């Protein structure tokens, strides 16, 4: 009864959430470099996938 209505209100505990600092906008060169990197990664992935599929097909043909 000491706190009255304020005693019934929920109180937040813990630290406040940190708001992430906004990143500065990328330059056109940075965007192109990032896209180039992503395309290189995708290309390597597709090469490996293609090799695995070819290997599986070769094994299936040999087992017949």
PDB file of N, CA and C in Angstrom:
ATOM      1  N   UNK A   1       0.811  -1.188   0.000  1.00  0.00           N
ATOM      2  CA  UNK A   1       0.000   0.000   0.000  1.00  0.00           C
ATOM      3  C   UNK A   1       0.862   1.262   0.000  1.00  0.00           C
ATOM      4  N   UNK A   2       2.163   1.085   0.180  1.00  0.00           N
ATOM      5  CA  UNK A   2       3.034   2.262   0.198  1.00  0.00           C
ATOM      6  C   UNK A   2       3.092   2.944  -1.167  1.00  0.00           C
ATOM      7  N   UNK A   3       3.141   2.142  -2.241  1.00  0.00           N
ATOM      8  CA  UNK A   3       3.362   2.692  -3.572  1.00  0.00           C
ATOM      9  C   UNK A   3       2.085   3.102  -4.284  1.00  0.00           C
ATOM     10  N   UNK A   4       0.964   2.673  -3.834  1.00  0.00           N
ATOM     11  CA  UNK A   4      -0.301   3.007  -4.479  1.00  0.00           C
ATOM     12  C   UNK A   4      -0.371   2.396  -5.869  1.00  0.00           C
ATOM     13  N   UNK A   5      -0.912   3.122  -6.831  1.00  0.00           N
ATOM     14  CA  UNK A   5      -1.070   2.645  -8.206  1.00  0.00           C
ATOM     15  C   UNK A   5       0.278   2.347  -8.847  1.00  0.00           C
ATOM     16  N   UNK A   6       1.313   3.154  -8.568  1.00  0.00           N
ATOM     17  CA  UNK A   6       2.631   2.923  -9.165  1.00  0.00           C
ATOM     18  C   UNK A   6       3.193   1.556  -8.777  1.00  0.00           C
ATOM     19  N   UNK A   7       2.814   1.023  -7.637  1.00  0.00           N
ATOM     20  CA  UNK A   7       3.292  -0.275  -7.199  1.00  0.00           C
ATOM     21  C   UNK A   7       2.751  -1.415  -8.031  1.00  0.00           C
ATOM     22  N   UNK A   8       1.624  -1.195  -8.706  1.00  0.00           N
ATOM     23  CA  UNK A   8       1.013  -2.243  -9.518  1.00  0.00           C
ATOM     24  C   UNK A   8       1.529  -2.240 -10.961  1.00  0.00           C
ATOM     25  N   UNK A   9       2.109  -1.150 -11.419  1.00  0.00           N
ATOM     26  CA  UNK A   9       2.602  -1.068 -12.784  1.00  0.00           C
ATOM     27  C   UNK A   9       3.867  -1.910 -12.944  1.00  0.00           C
ATOM     28  N   UNK A  10       3.970  -2.545 -14.107  1.00  0.00           N
ATOM     29  CA  UNK A  10       5.161  -3.369 -14.346  1.00  0.00           C
ATOM     30  C   UNK A  10       6.362  -2.454 -14.582  1.00  0.00           C
ATOM     31  N   UNK A  11       7.472  -2.867 -14.059  1.00  0.00           N
ATOM     32  CA  UNK A  11       8.704  -2.091 -14.206  1.00  0.00           C
ATOM     33  C   UNK A  11       9.662  -2.867 -15.105  1.00  0.00           C
ATOM     34  N   UNK A  12      10.257  -2.160 -16.015  1.00  0.00           N
ATOM     35  CA  UNK A  12      11.223  -2.806 -16.900  1.00  0.00           C
ATOM     36  C   UNK A  12      12.497  -3.074 -16.118  1.00  0.00           C
ATOM     37  N   UNK A  13      13.057  -4.256 -16.364  1.00  0.00           N
ATOM     38  CA  UNK A  13      14.302  -4.627 -15.691  1.00  0.00           C
ATOM     39  C   UNK A  13      15.372  -4.876 -16.732  1.00  0.00           C
ATOM     40  N   UNK A  14      16.597  -4.763 -16.340  1.00  0.00           N
ATOM     41  CA  UNK A  14      17.708  -5.054 -17.241  1.00  0.00           C
ATOM     42  C   UNK A  14      18.146  -3.828 -18.012  1.00  0.00           C
ATOM     43  N   UNK A  15      19.038  -4.083 -18.946  1.00  0.00           N
ATOM     44  CA  UNK A  15      19.605  -2.999 -19.746  1.00  0.00           C
ATOM     45  C   UNK A  15      18.666  -2.636 -20.892  1.00  0.00           C
ATOM     46  N   UNK A  16      18.805  -1.423 -21.349  1.00  0.00           N
ATOM     47  CA  UNK A  16      18.075  -1.006 -22.535  1.00  0.00           C
ATOM     48  C   UNK A  16      18.689  -1.678 -23.751  1.00  0.00           C
ATOM     49  N   UNK A  17      17.858  -1.954 -24.715  1.00  0.00           N
ATOM     50  CA  UNK A  17      18.353  -2.565 -25.951  1.00  0.00           C
ATOM     51  C   UNK A  17      19.197  -1.549 -26.712  1.00  0.00           C
ATOM     52  N   UNK A  18      20.340  -2.018 -27.182  1.00  0.00           N
ATOM     53  CA  UNK A  18      21.204  -1.133 -27.972  1.00  0.00           C
ATOM     54  C   UNK A  18      20.646  -1.028 -29.376  1.00  0.00           C
ATOM     55  N   UNK A  19      20.573   0.162 -29.853  1.00  0.00           N
ATOM     56  CA  UNK A  19      20.159   0.339 -31.241  1.00  0.00           C
ATOM     57  C   UNK A  19      21.411   0.308 -32.103  1.00  0.00           C
ATOM     58  N   UNK A  20      21.419  -0.556 -33.122  1.00  0.00           N
ATOM     59  CA  UNK A  20      22.622  -0.636 -33.964  1.00  0.00           C
ATOM     60  C   UNK A  20      22.818   0.667 -34.731  1.00  0.00           C
ATOM     61  N   UNK A  21      24.073   1.017 -34.886  1.00  0.00           N
ATOM     62  CA  UNK A  21      24.394   2.234 -35.628  1.00  0.00           C
ATOM     63  C   UNK A  21      24.137   1.980 -37.103  1.00  0.00           C
ATOM     64  N   UNK A  22      23.483   2.909 -37.756  1.00  0.00           N
ATOM     65  CA  UNK A  22      23.237   2.707 -39.198  1.00  0.00           C
ATOM     66  C   UNK A  22      24.549   2.733 -39.965  1.00  0.00           C
ATOM     67  N   UNK A  23      24.661   1.804 -40.921  1.00  0.00           N
ATOM     68  CA  UNK A  23      25.869   1.739 -41.728  1.00  0.00           C
ATOM     69  C   UNK A  23      25.818   2.823 -42.786  1.00  0.00           C
ATOM     70  N   UNK A  24      26.957   3.409 -43.096  1.00  0.00           N
ATOM     71  CA  UNK A  24      26.951   4.436 -44.149  1.00  0.00           C
ATOM     72  C   UNK A  24      26.604   3.791 -45.486  1.00  0.00           C
ATOM     73  N   UNK A  25      25.951   4.531 -46.370  1.00  0.00           N
ATOM     74  CA  UNK A  25      25.584   3.947 -47.668  1.00  0.00           C
ATOM     75  C   UNK A  25      26.837   3.532 -48.445  1.00  0.00           C
ATOM     76  N   UNK A  26      26.696   2.423 -49.160  1.00  0.00           N
ATOM     77  CA  UNK A  26      27.827   1.899 -49.927  1.00  0.00           C
ATOM     78  C   UNK A  26      28.006   2.699 -51.210  1.00  0.00           C
ATOM     79  N   UNK A  27      29.253   2.800 -51.600  1.00  0.00           N
ATOM     80  CA  UNK A  27      29.536   3.451 -52.881  1.00  0.00           C
ATOM     81  C   UNK A  27      29.227   2.459 -53.993  1.00  0.00           C
ATOM     82  N   UNK A  28      29.145   2.947 -55.196  1.00  0.00           N
ATOM     83  CA  UNK A  28      28.861   2.083 -56.353  1.00  0.00           C
ATOM     84  C   UNK A  28      29.947   1.016 -56.487  1.00  0.00           C
ATOM     85  N   UNK A  29      31.201   1.410 -56.232  1.00  0.00           N
ATOM     86  CA  UNK A  29      32.309   0.467 -56.327  1.00  0.00           C
ATOM     87  C   UNK A  29      32.153  -0.647 -55.289  1.00  0.00           C
ATOM     88  N   UNK A  30      31.788  -0.287 -54.058  1.00  0.00           N
ATOM     89  CA  UNK A  30      31.607  -1.294 -53.008  1.00  0.00           C
ATOM     90  C   UNK A  30      30.459  -2.243 -53.353  1.00  0.00           C
ATOM     91  N   UNK A  31      29.380  -1.693 -53.921  1.00  0.00           N
ATOM     92  CA  UNK A  31      28.253  -2.545 -54.322  1.00  0.00           C
ATOM     93  C   UNK A  31      28.685  -3.533 -55.397  1.00  0.00           C
ATOM     94  N   UNK A  32      29.454  -3.056 -56.370  1.00  0.00           N
ATOM     95  CA  UNK A  32      29.910  -3.931 -57.457  1.00  0.00           C
ATOM     96  C   UNK A  32      30.889  -4.982 -56.953  1.00  0.00           C
ATOM     97  N   UNK A  33      31.760  -4.609 -56.018  1.00  0.00           N
ATOM     98  CA  UNK A  33      32.700  -5.584 -55.455  1.00  0.00           C
ATOM     99  C   UNK A  33      31.956  -6.662 -54.681  1.00  0.00           C
ATOM    100  N   UNK A  34      30.928  -6.263 -53.929  1.00  0.00           N
ATOM    101  CA  UNK A  34      30.141  -7.241 -53.173  1.00  0.00           C
ATOM    102  C   UNK A  34      29.388  -8.177 -54.122  1.00  0.00           C
ATOM    103  N   UNK A  35      28.807  -7.611 -55.176  1.00  0.00           N
ATOM    104  CA  UNK A  35      28.101  -8.438 -56.153  1.00  0.00           C
ATOM    105  C   UNK A  35      29.065  -9.396 -56.840  1.00  0.00           C
ATOM    106  N   UNK A  36      30.259  -8.911 -57.175  1.00  0.00           N
ATOM    107  CA  UNK A  36      31.275  -9.751 -57.806  1.00  0.00           C
ATOM    108  C   UNK A  36      31.644 -10.921 -56.896  1.00  0.00           C
ATOM    109  N   UNK A  37      31.850 -10.635 -55.616  1.00  0.00           N
ATOM    110  CA  UNK A  37      32.182 -11.689 -54.661  1.00  0.00           C
ATOM    111  C   UNK A  37      31.061 -12.716 -54.567  1.00  0.00           C
ATOM    112  N   UNK A  38      29.814 -12.232 -54.482  1.00  0.00           N
ATOM    113  CA  UNK A  38      28.672 -13.149 -54.400  1.00  0.00           C
ATOM    114  C   UNK A  38      28.560 -14.013 -55.647  1.00  0.00           C
ATOM    115  N   UNK A  39      28.818 -13.446 -56.803  1.00  0.00           N
ATOM    116  CA  UNK A  39      28.764 -14.222 -58.044  1.00  0.00           C
ATOM    117  C   UNK A  39      29.885 -15.257 -58.102  1.00  0.00           C
ATOM    118  N   UNK A  40      31.072 -14.903 -57.598  1.00  0.00           N
ATOM    119  CA  UNK A  40      32.173 -15.877 -57.559  1.00  0.00           C
ATOM    120  C   UNK A  40      31.816 -17.057 -56.646  1.00  0.00           C
ATOM    121  N   UNK A  41      31.221 -16.746 -55.498  1.00  0.00           N
ATOM    122  CA  UNK A  41      30.824 -17.801 -54.551  1.00  0.00           C
ATOM    123  C   UNK A  41      29.763 -18.693 -55.187  1.00  0.00           C
ATOM    124  N   UNK A  42      28.775 -18.076 -55.831  1.00  0.00           N
ATOM    125  CA  UNK A  42      27.721 -18.848 -56.487  1.00  0.00           C
ATOM    126  C   UNK A  42      28.299 -19.725 -57.596  1.00  0.00           C
ATOM    127  N   UNK A  43      29.248 -19.196 -58.357  1.00  0.00           N
ATOM    128  CA  UNK A  43      29.872 -19.936 -59.443  1.00  0.00           C
ATOM    129  C   UNK A  43      30.609 -21.170 -58.912  1.00  0.00           C
ATOM    130  N   UNK A  44      31.371 -20.995 -57.833  1.00  0.00           N
ATOM    131  CA  UNK A  44      32.084 -22.130 -57.236  1.00  0.00           C
ATOM    132  C   UNK A  44      31.102 -23.200 -56.743  1.00  0.00           C
ATOM    133  N   UNK A  45      30.019 -22.747 -56.115  1.00  0.00           N
ATOM    134  CA  UNK A  45      29.002 -23.679 -55.625  1.00  0.00           C
ATOM    135  C   UNK A  45      28.414 -24.484 -56.781  1.00  0.00           C
ATOM    136  N   UNK A  46      28.051 -23.795 -57.861  1.00  0.00           N
ATOM    137  CA  UNK A  46      27.449 -24.479 -59.001  1.00  0.00           C
ATOM    138  C   UNK A  46      28.426 -25.452 -59.660  1.00  0.00           C
ATOM    139  N   UNK A  47      29.706 -25.097 -59.703  1.00  0.00           N
ATOM    140  CA  UNK A  47      30.713 -26.014 -60.256  1.00  0.00           C
ATOM    141  C   UNK A  47      30.786 -27.290 -59.431  1.00  0.00           C
ATOM    142  N   UNK A  48      30.807 -27.144 -58.115  1.00  0.00           N
ATOM    143  CA  UNK A  48      30.882 -28.317 -57.240  1.00  0.00           C
ATOM    144  C   UNK A  48      29.619 -29.159 -57.345  1.00  0.00           C
ATOM    145  N   UNK A  49      28.464 -28.500 -57.420  1.00  0.00           N
ATOM    146  CA  UNK A  49      27.205 -29.223 -57.564  1.00  0.00           C
ATOM    147  C   UNK A  49      27.179 -29.984 -58.874  1.00  0.00           C
ATOM    148  N   UNK A  50      27.626 -29.359 -59.945  1.00  0.00           N
ATOM    149  CA  UNK A  50      27.669 -30.000 -61.253  1.00  0.00           C
ATOM    150  C   UNK A  50      28.592 -31.215 -61.229  1.00  0.00           C
ATOM    151  N   UNK A  51      29.730 -31.087 -60.548  1.00  0.00           N
ATOM    152  CA  UNK A  51      30.666 -32.216 -60.453  1.00  0.00           C
ATOM    153  C   UNK A  51      30.028 -33.372 -59.680  1.00  0.00           C
ATOM    154  N   UNK A  52      29.312 -33.072 -58.605  1.00  0.00           N
ATOM    155  CA  UNK A  52      28.660 -34.124 -57.834  1.00  0.00           C
ATOM    156  C   UNK A  52      27.578 -34.831 -58.646  1.00  0.00           C
ATOM    157  N   UNK A  53      26.796 -34.074 -59.395  1.00  0.00           N
ATOM    158  CA  UNK A  53      25.740 -34.668 -60.225  1.00  0.00           C
ATOM    159  C   UNK A  53      26.364 -35.537 -61.312  1.00  0.00           C
ATOM    160  N   UNK A  54      27.420 -35.047 -61.932  1.00  0.00           N
ATOM    161  CA  UNK A  54      28.088 -35.829 -62.977  1.00  0.00           C
ATOM    162  C   UNK A  54      28.666 -37.120 -62.405  1.00  0.00           C
ATOM    163  N   UNK A  55      29.238 -37.036 -61.203  1.00  0.00           N
ATOM    164  CA  UNK A  55      29.794 -38.233 -60.570  1.00  0.00           C
ATOM    165  C   UNK A  55      28.692 -39.246 -60.256  1.00  0.00           C
ATOM    166  N   UNK A  56      27.562 -38.775 -59.766  1.00  0.00           N
ATOM    167  CA  UNK A  56      26.442 -39.670 -59.453  1.00  0.00           C
ATOM    168  C   UNK A  56      25.932 -40.344 -60.725  1.00  0.00           C
ATOM    169  N   UNK A  57      25.782 -39.571 -61.791  1.00  0.00           N
ATOM    170  CA  UNK A  57      25.302 -40.142 -63.056  1.00  0.00           C
ATOM    171  C   UNK A  57      26.296 -41.164 -63.596  1.00  0.00           C
ATOM    172  N   UNK A  58      27.575 -40.907 -63.446  1.00  0.00           N
ATOM    173  CA  UNK A  58      28.596 -41.845 -63.915  1.00  0.00           C
ATOM    174  C   UNK A  58      28.499 -43.160 -63.141  1.00  0.00           C
ATOM    175  N   UNK A  59      28.326 -43.055 -61.815  1.00  0.00           N
ATOM    176  CA  UNK A  59      28.201 -44.270 -60.997  1.00  0.00           C
ATOM    177  C   UNK A  59      26.948 -45.063 -61.375  1.00  0.00           C
ATOM    178  N   UNK A  60      25.845 -44.350 -61.653  1.00  0.00           N
ATOM    179  CA  UNK A  60      24.601 -45.039 -62.032  1.00  0.00           C
ATOM    180  C   UNK A  60      24.751 -45.740 -63.363  1.00  0.00           C
ATOM    181  N   UNK A  61      25.476 -45.128 -64.299  1.00  0.00           N
ATOM    182  CA  UNK A  61      25.681 -45.770 -65.603  1.00  0.00           C
ATOM    183  C   UNK A  61      26.585 -46.994 -65.473  1.00  0.00           C
ATOM    184  N   UNK A  62      27.592 -46.909 -64.622  1.00  0.00           N
ATOM    185  CA  UNK A  62      28.538 -48.028 -64.454  1.00  0.00           C
ATOM    186  C   UNK A  62      27.888 -49.198 -63.729  1.00  0.00           C
ATOM    187  N   UNK A  63      26.942 -48.945 -62.849  1.00  0.00           N
ATOM    188  CA  UNK A  63      26.327 -50.030 -62.071  1.00  0.00           C
ATOM    189  C   UNK A  63      25.289 -50.805 -62.869  1.00  0.00           C
ATOM    190  N   UNK A  64      24.898 -50.299 -64.030  1.00  0.00           N
ATOM    191  CA  UNK A  64      23.885 -51.015 -64.842  1.00  0.00           C
ATOM    192  C   UNK A  64      24.486 -52.121 -65.635  1.00  0.00           C
TER     193      UNK A  64
END
